[in-house]
Amino acid sequence: MEEYLTVKELSARIKLAKQTIYNMIHKNEFVLHKHYYKPKAKIILFKWSAIEKWLEGDSPDWNESTPCPTQKIEDHKPARIEDNPTSSINI
């Protein structure tokens, strides 16, 4: 039997903040009727088997430009001020 999770349950299971999950929905990283369903306007249920495939990188629409969900943070190059001269934030 298929397992469905709420945003809160998914957040706890894959160790991502709820807001991060909502952001991923907004960016279409999670796809309606593939990764999640909306049985009512304010209810989102995630299909656990589809999320597992997404985590493993087995999604059929996976491509080089899509960041790997399990990619380590160390693999990313940090932005430097010189790389973005229009930035007004000094860190």
PDB file of N, CA and C in Angstrom:
ATOM      1  N   MET A   1       0.847  -1.189   0.000  1.00  0.00           N
ATOM      2  CA  MET A   1       0.000   0.000   0.000  1.00  0.00           C
ATOM      3  C   MET A   1       0.888   1.246   0.000  1.00  0.00           C
ATOM      4  N   GLU A   2       0.535   2.216  -0.807  1.00  0.00           N
ATOM      5  CA  GLU A   2       1.312   3.450  -0.943  1.00  0.00           C
ATOM      6  C   GLU A   2       1.227   4.290   0.328  1.00  0.00           C
ATOM      7  N   GLU A   3       2.348   4.916   0.680  1.00  0.00           N
ATOM      8  CA  GLU A   3       2.413   5.767   1.859  1.00  0.00           C
ATOM      9  C   GLU A   3       2.429   7.230   1.426  1.00  0.00           C
ATOM     10  N   TYR A   4       1.588   8.039   2.058  1.00  0.00           N
ATOM     11  CA  TYR A   4       1.505   9.466   1.772  1.00  0.00           C
ATOM     12  C   TYR A   4       1.854  10.246   3.036  1.00  0.00           C
ATOM     13  N   LEU A   5       2.617  11.326   2.856  1.00  0.00           N
ATOM     14  CA  LEU A   5       3.094  12.115   3.993  1.00  0.00           C
ATOM     15  C   LEU A   5       2.666  13.566   3.860  1.00  0.00           C
ATOM     16  N   THR A   6       2.382  14.195   4.991  1.00  0.00           N
ATOM     17  CA  THR A   6       2.119  15.627   5.009  1.00  0.00           C
ATOM     18  C   THR A   6       3.447  16.365   4.884  1.00  0.00           C
ATOM     19  N   VAL A   7       3.394  17.671   4.715  1.00  0.00           N
ATOM     20  CA  VAL A   7       4.619  18.470   4.632  1.00  0.00           C
ATOM     21  C   VAL A   7       5.420  18.315   5.923  1.00  0.00           C
ATOM     22  N   LYS A   8       4.739  18.345   7.056  1.00  0.00           N
ATOM     23  CA  LYS A   8       5.409  18.209   8.348  1.00  0.00           C
ATOM     24  C   LYS A   8       6.097  16.846   8.471  1.00  0.00           C
ATOM     25  N   GLU A   9       5.406  15.792   8.074  1.00  0.00           N
ATOM     26  CA  GLU A   9       5.973  14.443   8.148  1.00  0.00           C
ATOM     27  C   GLU A   9       7.159  14.286   7.189  1.00  0.00           C
ATOM     28  N   LEU A  10       7.007  14.817   5.968  1.00  0.00           N
ATOM     29  CA  LEU A  10       8.098  14.741   4.998  1.00  0.00           C
ATOM     30  C   LEU A  10       9.303  15.528   5.498  1.00  0.00           C
ATOM     31  N   SER A  11       9.059  16.696   6.060  1.00  0.00           N
ATOM     32  CA  SER A  11      10.121  17.535   6.600  1.00  0.00           C
ATOM     33  C   SER A  11      10.936  16.773   7.645  1.00  0.00           C
ATOM     34  N   ALA A  12      10.250  16.087   8.537  1.00  0.00           N
ATOM     35  CA  ALA A  12      10.942  15.316   9.579  1.00  0.00           C
ATOM     36  C   ALA A  12      11.689  14.130   8.987  1.00  0.00           C
ATOM     37  N   ARG A  13      11.128  13.490   7.990  1.00  0.00           N
ATOM     38  CA  ARG A  13      11.728  12.281   7.424  1.00  0.00           C
ATOM     39  C   ARG A  13      12.973  12.573   6.596  1.00  0.00           C
ATOM     40  N   ILE A  14      12.949  13.640   5.783  1.00  0.00           N
ATOM     41  CA  ILE A  14      14.103  13.910   4.923  1.00  0.00           C
ATOM     42  C   ILE A  14      14.964  15.055   5.454  1.00  0.00           C
ATOM     43  N   LYS A  15      14.644  15.531   6.630  1.00  0.00           N
ATOM     44  CA  LYS A  15      15.461  16.537   7.332  1.00  0.00           C
ATOM     45  C   LYS A  15      15.611  17.841   6.546  1.00  0.00           C
ATOM     46  N   LEU A  16      14.506  18.318   5.994  1.00  0.00           N
ATOM     47  CA  LEU A  16      14.459  19.633   5.354  1.00  0.00           C
ATOM     48  C   LEU A  16      13.389  20.451   6.057  1.00  0.00           C
ATOM     49  N   ALA A  17      13.596  21.752   6.139  1.00  0.00           N
ATOM     50  CA  ALA A  17      12.604  22.635   6.742  1.00  0.00           C
ATOM     51  C   ALA A  17      11.318  22.622   5.913  1.00  0.00           C
ATOM     52  N   LYS A  18      10.200  22.831   6.578  1.00  0.00           N
ATOM     53  CA  LYS A  18       8.921  22.879   5.860  1.00  0.00           C
ATOM     54  C   LYS A  18       8.953  23.951   4.779  1.00  0.00           C
ATOM     55  N   GLN A  19       9.526  25.116   5.087  1.00  0.00           N
ATOM     56  CA  GLN A  19       9.581  26.202   4.105  1.00  0.00           C
ATOM     57  C   GLN A  19      10.407  25.796   2.891  1.00  0.00           C
ATOM     58  N   THR A  20      11.460  25.020   3.097  1.00  0.00           N
ATOM     59  CA  THR A  20      12.268  24.535   1.974  1.00  0.00           C
ATOM     60  C   THR A  20      11.417  23.661   1.060  1.00  0.00           C
ATOM     61  N   ILE A  21      10.583  22.827   1.635  1.00  0.00           N
ATOM     62  CA  ILE A  21       9.700  21.956   0.849  1.00  0.00           C
ATOM     63  C   ILE A  21       8.706  22.805   0.053  1.00  0.00           C
ATOM     64  N   TYR A  22       8.118  23.817   0.698  1.00  0.00           N
ATOM     65  CA  TYR A  22       7.202  24.715  -0.021  1.00  0.00           C
ATOM     66  C   TYR A  22       7.934  25.432  -1.155  1.00  0.00           C
ATOM     67  N   ASN A  23       9.174  25.852  -0.907  1.00  0.00           N
ATOM     68  CA  ASN A  23       9.964  26.507  -1.957  1.00  0.00           C
ATOM     69  C   ASN A  23      10.206  25.558  -3.131  1.00  0.00           C
ATOM     70  N   MET A  24      10.468  24.291  -2.833  1.00  0.00           N
ATOM     71  CA  MET A  24      10.725  23.306  -3.877  1.00  0.00           C
ATOM     72  C   MET A  24       9.464  23.060  -4.712  1.00  0.00           C
ATOM     73  N   ILE A  25       8.309  23.107  -4.078  1.00  0.00           N
ATOM     74  CA  ILE A  25       7.047  22.995  -4.815  1.00  0.00           C
ATOM     75  C   ILE A  25       6.915  24.200  -5.748  1.00  0.00           C
ATOM     76  N   HIS A  26       7.183  25.376  -5.215  1.00  0.00           N
ATOM     77  CA  HIS A  26       7.067  26.607  -6.005  1.00  0.00           C
ATOM     78  C   HIS A  26       8.023  26.595  -7.206  1.00  0.00           C
ATOM     79  N   LYS A  27       9.210  26.026  -7.023  1.00  0.00           N
ATOM     80  CA  LYS A  27      10.214  25.964  -8.096  1.00  0.00           C
ATOM     81  C   LYS A  27      10.017  24.754  -9.010  1.00  0.00           C
ATOM     82  N   ASN A  28       8.943  24.002  -8.800  1.00  0.00           N
ATOM     83  CA  ASN A  28       8.620  22.796  -9.578  1.00  0.00           C
ATOM     84  C   ASN A  28       9.668  21.698  -9.470  1.00  0.00           C
ATOM     85  N   GLU A  29      10.397  21.668  -8.358  1.00  0.00           N
ATOM     86  CA  GLU A  29      11.301  20.550  -8.104  1.00  0.00           C
ATOM     87  C   GLU A  29      10.486  19.332  -7.673  1.00  0.00           C
ATOM     88  N   PHE A  30       9.386  19.593  -6.995  1.00  0.00           N
ATOM     89  CA  PHE A  30       8.390  18.561  -6.713  1.00  0.00           C
ATOM     90  C   PHE A  30       7.225  18.841  -7.652  1.00  0.00           C
ATOM     91  N   VAL A  31       6.774  17.819  -8.359  1.00  0.00           N
ATOM     92  CA  VAL A  31       5.777  17.976  -9.409  1.00  0.00           C
ATOM     93  C   VAL A  31       4.415  17.449  -8.939  1.00  0.00           C
ATOM     94  N   LEU A  32       3.385  18.262  -9.145  1.00  0.00           N
ATOM     95  CA  LEU A  32       2.016  17.883  -8.811  1.00  0.00           C
ATOM     96  C   LEU A  32       1.629  16.634  -9.593  1.00  0.00           C
ATOM     97  N   HIS A  33       0.993  15.699  -8.944  1.00  0.00           N
ATOM     98  CA  HIS A  33       0.542  14.408  -9.485  1.00  0.00           C
ATOM     99  C   HIS A  33       1.685  13.432  -9.745  1.00  0.00           C
ATOM    100  N   LYS A  34       2.902  13.836  -9.424  1.00  0.00           N
ATOM    101  CA  LYS A  34       4.031  12.917  -9.513  1.00  0.00           C
ATOM    102  C   LYS A  34       4.615  12.725  -8.114  1.00  0.00           C
ATOM    103  N   HIS A  35       5.032  13.811  -7.495  1.00  0.00           N
ATOM    104  CA  HIS A  35       5.614  13.761  -6.159  1.00  0.00           C
ATOM    105  C   HIS A  35       4.579  14.050  -5.067  1.00  0.00           C
ATOM    106  N   TYR A  36       3.593  14.859  -5.398  1.00  0.00           N
ATOM    107  CA  TYR A  36       2.605  15.229  -4.378  1.00  0.00           C
ATOM    108  C   TYR A  36       1.226  15.421  -5.014  1.00  0.00           C
ATOM    109  N   TYR A  37       0.227  15.402  -4.126  1.00  0.00           N
ATOM    110  CA  TYR A  37      -1.163  15.583  -4.529  1.00  0.00           C
ATOM    111  C   TYR A  37      -1.803  16.612  -3.611  1.00  0.00           C
ATOM    112  N   LYS A  38      -2.835  17.273  -4.106  1.00  0.00           N
ATOM    113  CA  LYS A  38      -3.585  18.245  -3.320  1.00  0.00           C
ATOM    114  C   LYS A  38      -5.046  17.822  -3.296  1.00  0.00           C
ATOM    115  N   PRO A  39      -5.410  16.946  -2.348  1.00  0.00           N
ATOM    116  CA  PRO A  39      -6.808  16.498  -2.300  1.00  0.00           C
ATOM    117  C   PRO A  39      -7.775  17.621  -1.928  1.00  0.00           C
ATOM    118  N   LYS A  40      -7.281  18.628  -1.198  1.00  0.00           N
ATOM    119  CA  LYS A  40      -8.056  19.823  -0.860  1.00  0.00           C
ATOM    120  C   LYS A  40      -7.127  21.018  -0.976  1.00  0.00           C
ATOM    121  N   ALA A  41      -7.687  22.196  -1.029  1.00  0.00           N
ATOM    122  CA  ALA A  41      -6.901  23.408  -1.277  1.00  0.00           C
ATOM    123  C   ALA A  41      -5.713  23.577  -0.325  1.00  0.00           C
ATOM    124  N   LYS A  42      -5.892  23.285   0.940  1.00  0.00           N
ATOM    125  CA  LYS A  42      -4.830  23.522   1.919  1.00  0.00           C
ATOM    126  C   LYS A  42      -4.143  22.246   2.392  1.00  0.00           C
ATOM    127  N   ILE A  43      -4.340  21.152   1.681  1.00  0.00           N
ATOM    128  CA  ILE A  43      -3.719  19.885   2.064  1.00  0.00           C
ATOM    129  C   ILE A  43      -2.791  19.418   0.951  1.00  0.00           C
ATOM    130  N   ILE A  44      -1.550  19.125   1.332  1.00  0.00           N
ATOM    131  CA  ILE A  44      -0.566  18.592   0.390  1.00  0.00           C
ATOM    132  C   ILE A  44      -0.102  17.251   0.932  1.00  0.00           C
ATOM    133  N   LEU A  45      -0.186  16.224   0.104  1.00  0.00           N
ATOM    134  CA  LEU A  45       0.270  14.895   0.485  1.00  0.00           C
ATOM    135  C   LEU A  45       1.334  14.432  -0.497  1.00  0.00           C
ATOM    136  N   PHE A  46       2.469  14.005   0.049  1.00  0.00           N
ATOM    137  CA  PHE A  46       3.589  13.551  -0.769  1.00  0.00           C
ATOM    138  C   PHE A  46       3.575  12.041  -0.888  1.00  0.00           C
ATOM    139  N   LYS A  47       3.805  11.553  -2.087  1.00  0.00           N
ATOM    140  CA  LYS A  47       3.879  10.123  -2.362  1.00  0.00           C
ATOM    141  C   LYS A  47       5.296   9.672  -2.014  1.00  0.00           C
ATOM    142  N   TRP A  48       5.440   8.885  -0.951  1.00  0.00           N
ATOM    143  CA  TRP A  48       6.751   8.530  -0.434  1.00  0.00           C
ATOM    144  C   TRP A  48       7.604   7.791  -1.470  1.00  0.00           C
ATOM    145  N   SER A  49       7.030   6.901  -2.259  1.00  0.00           N
ATOM    146  CA  SER A  49       7.827   6.160  -3.242  1.00  0.00           C
ATOM    147  C   SER A  49       8.424   7.111  -4.282  1.00  0.00           C
ATOM    148  N   ALA A  50       7.690   8.160  -4.673  1.00  0.00           N
ATOM    149  CA  ALA A  50       8.207   9.140  -5.640  1.00  0.00           C
ATOM    150  C   ALA A  50       9.301   9.992  -5.007  1.00  0.00           C
ATOM    151  N   ILE A  51       9.155  10.313  -3.734  1.00  0.00           N
ATOM    152  CA  ILE A  51      10.170  11.095  -3.033  1.00  0.00           C
ATOM    153  C   ILE A  51      11.452  10.274  -2.884  1.00  0.00           C
ATOM    154  N   GLU A  52      11.318   8.989  -2.602  1.00  0.00           N
ATOM    155  CA  GLU A  52      12.502   8.116  -2.510  1.00  0.00           C
ATOM    156  C   GLU A  52      13.267   8.101  -3.834  1.00  0.00           C
ATOM    157  N   LYS A  53      12.532   7.978  -4.936  1.00  0.00           N
ATOM    158  CA  LYS A  53      13.179   7.994  -6.253  1.00  0.00           C
ATOM    159  C   LYS A  53      13.867   9.329  -6.494  1.00  0.00           C
ATOM    160  N   TRP A  54      13.222  10.421  -6.110  1.00  0.00           N
ATOM    161  CA  TRP A  54      13.809  11.749  -6.265  1.00  0.00           C
ATOM    162  C   TRP A  54      15.101  11.852  -5.449  1.00  0.00           C
ATOM    163  N   LEU A  55      15.077  11.361  -4.216  1.00  0.00           N
ATOM    164  CA  LEU A  55      16.265  11.395  -3.364  1.00  0.00           C
ATOM    165  C   LEU A  55      17.418  10.596  -3.965  1.00  0.00           C
ATOM    166  N   GLU A  56      17.091   9.490  -4.605  1.00  0.00           N
ATOM    167  CA  GLU A  56      18.109   8.615  -5.192  1.00  0.00           C
ATOM    168  C   GLU A  56      18.567   9.100  -6.565  1.00  0.00           C
ATOM    169  N   GLY A  57      17.914  10.133  -7.084  1.00  0.00           N
ATOM    170  CA  GLY A  57      18.284  10.659  -8.388  1.00  0.00           C
ATOM    171  C   GLY A  57      17.767   9.821  -9.529  1.00  0.00           C
ATOM    172  N   ASP A  58      16.742   9.015  -9.287  1.00  0.00           N
ATOM    173  CA  ASP A  58      16.198   8.133 -10.314  1.00  0.00           C
ATOM    174  C   ASP A  58      15.016   8.734 -11.055  1.00  0.00           C
ATOM    175  N   SER A  59      14.790  10.026 -10.890  1.00  0.00           N
ATOM    176  CA  SER A  59      13.662  10.663 -11.552  1.00  0.00           C
ATOM    177  C   SER A  59      13.861  10.617 -13.065  1.00  0.00           C
ATOM    178  N   PRO A  60      12.851  10.233 -13.850  1.00  0.00           N
ATOM    179  CA  PRO A  60      13.006  10.154 -15.298  1.00  0.00           C
ATOM    180  C   PRO A  60      13.296  11.499 -15.956  1.00  0.00           C
ATOM    181  N   ASP A  61      12.918  12.607 -15.324  1.00  0.00           N
ATOM    182  CA  ASP A  61      13.193  13.909 -15.914  1.00  0.00           C
ATOM    183  C   ASP A  61      14.435  14.540 -15.291  1.00  0.00           C
ATOM    184  N   TRP A  62      15.311  13.689 -14.750  1.00  0.00           N
ATOM    185  CA  TRP A  62      16.563  14.137 -14.156  1.00  0.00           C
ATOM    186  C   TRP A  62      17.503  14.586 -15.260  1.00  0.00           C
ATOM    187  N   ASN A  63      18.201  15.703 -15.056  1.00  0.00           N
ATOM    188  CA  ASN A  63      19.189  16.131 -16.044  1.00  0.00           C
ATOM    189  C   ASN A  63      20.346  16.832 -15.354  1.00  0.00           C
ATOM    190  N   GLU A  64      21.381  17.136 -16.106  1.00  0.00           N
ATOM    191  CA  GLU A  64      22.605  17.722 -15.551  1.00  0.00           C
ATOM    192  C   GLU A  64      22.347  19.072 -14.880  1.00  0.00           C
ATOM    193  N   SER A  65      21.366  19.843 -15.370  1.00  0.00           N
ATOM    194  CA  SER A  65      21.142  21.172 -14.812  1.00  0.00           C
ATOM    195  C   SER A  65      20.353  21.129 -13.506  1.00  0.00           C
ATOM    196  N   THR A  66      19.746  19.994 -13.179  1.00  0.00           N
ATOM    197  CA  THR A  66      19.002  19.855 -11.941  1.00  0.00           C
ATOM    198  C   THR A  66      19.970  19.468 -10.835  1.00  0.00           C
ATOM    199  N   PRO A  67      20.034  20.266  -9.752  1.00  0.00           N
ATOM    200  CA  PRO A  67      20.959  19.903  -8.689  1.00  0.00           C
ATOM    201  C   PRO A  67      20.540  18.593  -8.026  1.00  0.00           C
ATOM    202  N   CYS A  68      21.510  17.785  -7.718  1.00  0.00           N
ATOM    203  CA  CYS A  68      21.250  16.515  -7.058  1.00  0.00           C
ATOM    204  C   CYS A  68      20.732  16.794  -5.657  1.00  0.00           C
ATOM    205  N   PRO A  69      19.603  16.217  -5.250  1.00  0.00           N
ATOM    206  CA  PRO A  69      19.048  16.501  -3.926  1.00  0.00           C
ATOM    207  C   PRO A  69      19.947  16.026  -2.796  1.00  0.00           C
ATOM    208  N   THR A  70      20.840  15.094  -3.075  1.00  0.00           N
ATOM    209  CA  THR A  70      21.717  14.588  -2.028  1.00  0.00           C
ATOM    210  C   THR A  70      23.133  15.133  -2.169  1.00  0.00           C
ATOM    211  N   GLN A  71      23.332  16.118  -3.054  1.00  0.00           N
ATOM    212  CA  GLN A  71      24.656  16.701  -3.266  1.00  0.00           C
ATOM    213  C   GLN A  71      25.112  17.392  -1.993  1.00  0.00           C
ATOM    214  N   LYS A  72      26.355  17.189  -1.634  1.00  0.00           N
ATOM    215  CA  LYS A  72      26.895  17.777  -0.417  1.00  0.00           C
ATOM    216  C   LYS A  72      27.061  19.284  -0.585  1.00  0.00           C
ATOM    217  N   ILE A  73      26.882  19.995   0.504  1.00  0.00           N
ATOM    218  CA  ILE A  73      27.038  21.440   0.487  1.00  0.00           C
ATOM    219  C   ILE A  73      28.468  21.803   0.107  1.00  0.00           C
ATOM    220  N   GLU A  74      29.451  20.988   0.531  1.00  0.00           N
ATOM    221  CA  GLU A  74      30.851  21.281   0.228  1.00  0.00           C
ATOM    222  C   GLU A  74      31.109  21.289  -1.276  1.00  0.00           C
ATOM    223  N   ASP A  75      30.262  20.629  -2.067  1.00  0.00           N
ATOM    224  CA  ASP A  75      30.441  20.570  -3.510  1.00  0.00           C
ATOM    225  C   ASP A  75      30.135  21.897  -4.195  1.00  0.00           C
ATOM    226  N   HIS A  76      29.484  22.804  -3.489  1.00  0.00           N
ATOM    227  CA  HIS A  76      29.110  24.082  -4.077  1.00  0.00           C
ATOM    228  C   HIS A  76      30.204  25.107  -3.837  1.00  0.00           C
ATOM    229  N   LYS A  77      30.493  25.905  -4.865  1.00  0.00           N
ATOM    230  CA  LYS A  77      31.481  26.969  -4.741  1.00  0.00           C
ATOM    231  C   LYS A  77      30.805  28.171  -4.094  1.00  0.00           C
ATOM    232  N   PRO A  78      31.358  28.685  -2.995  1.00  0.00           N
ATOM    233  CA  PRO A  78      30.731  29.852  -2.367  1.00  0.00           C
ATOM    234  C   PRO A  78      30.898  31.089  -3.252  1.00  0.00           C
ATOM    235  N   ALA A  79      29.884  31.931  -3.242  1.00  0.00           N
ATOM    236  CA  ALA A  79      29.940  33.169  -4.027  1.00  0.00           C
ATOM    237  C   ALA A  79      30.903  34.143  -3.360  1.00  0.00           C
ATOM    238  N   ARG A  80      31.645  34.871  -4.183  1.00  0.00           N
ATOM    239  CA  ARG A  80      32.557  35.896  -3.672  1.00  0.00           C
ATOM    240  C   ARG A  80      32.067  37.239  -4.187  1.00  0.00           C
ATOM    241  N   ILE A  81      32.379  38.286  -3.467  1.00  0.00           N
ATOM    242  CA  ILE A  81      31.950  39.624  -3.860  1.00  0.00           C
ATOM    243  C   ILE A  81      32.435  39.963  -5.268  1.00  0.00           C
ATOM    244  N   GLU A  82      33.687  39.577  -5.601  1.00  0.00           N
ATOM    245  CA  GLU A  82      34.233  39.874  -6.918  1.00  0.00           C
ATOM    246  C   GLU A  82      33.440  39.183  -8.028  1.00  0.00           C
ATOM    247  N   ASP A  83      32.817  38.019  -7.702  1.00  0.00           N
ATOM    248  CA  ASP A  83      32.040  37.281  -8.690  1.00  0.00           C
ATOM    249  C   ASP A  83      30.712  37.969  -9.003  1.00  0.00           C
ATOM    250  N   ASN A  84      30.253  38.803  -8.098  1.00  0.00           N
ATOM    251  CA  ASN A  84      28.960  39.445  -8.264  1.00  0.00           C
ATOM    252  C   ASN A  84      29.103  40.928  -7.929  1.00  0.00           C
ATOM    253  N   PRO A  85      29.628  41.737  -8.833  1.00  0.00           N
ATOM    254  CA  PRO A  85      29.906  43.143  -8.527  1.00  0.00           C
ATOM    255  C   PRO A  85      28.662  43.974  -8.249  1.00  0.00           C
ATOM    256  N   THR A  86      27.461  43.490  -8.596  1.00  0.00           N
ATOM    257  CA  THR A  86      26.254  44.270  -8.355  1.00  0.00           C
ATOM    258  C   THR A  86      25.713  44.059  -6.956  1.00  0.00           C
ATOM    259  N   SER A  87      26.299  43.158  -6.193  1.00  0.00           N
ATOM    260  CA  SER A  87      25.829  42.895  -4.846  1.00  0.00           C
ATOM    261  C   SER A  87      26.212  44.035  -3.914  1.00  0.00           C
ATOM    262  N   SER A  88      25.291  44.433  -3.052  1.00  0.00           N
ATOM    263  CA  SER A  88      25.584  45.483  -2.089  1.00  0.00           C
ATOM    264  C   SER A  88      25.807  44.907  -0.697  1.00  0.00           C
ATOM    265  N   ILE A  89      25.867  43.592  -0.594  1.00  0.00           N
ATOM    266  CA  ILE A  89      26.031  42.934   0.698  1.00  0.00           C
ATOM    267  C   ILE A  89      27.476  42.473   0.840  1.00  0.00           C
ATOM    268  N   ASN A  90      28.130  42.897   1.890  1.00  0.00           N
ATOM    269  CA  ASN A  90      29.475  42.421   2.198  1.00  0.00           C
ATOM    270  C   ASN A  90      29.391  41.408   3.324  1.00  0.00           C
ATOM    271  N   ILE A  91      29.872  40.226   3.050  1.00  0.00           N
ATOM    272  CA  ILE A  91      29.829  39.165   4.067  1.00  0.00           C
ATOM    273  C   ILE A  91      31.238  38.840   4.484  1.00  0.00           C
TER     274      ILE A  91
END
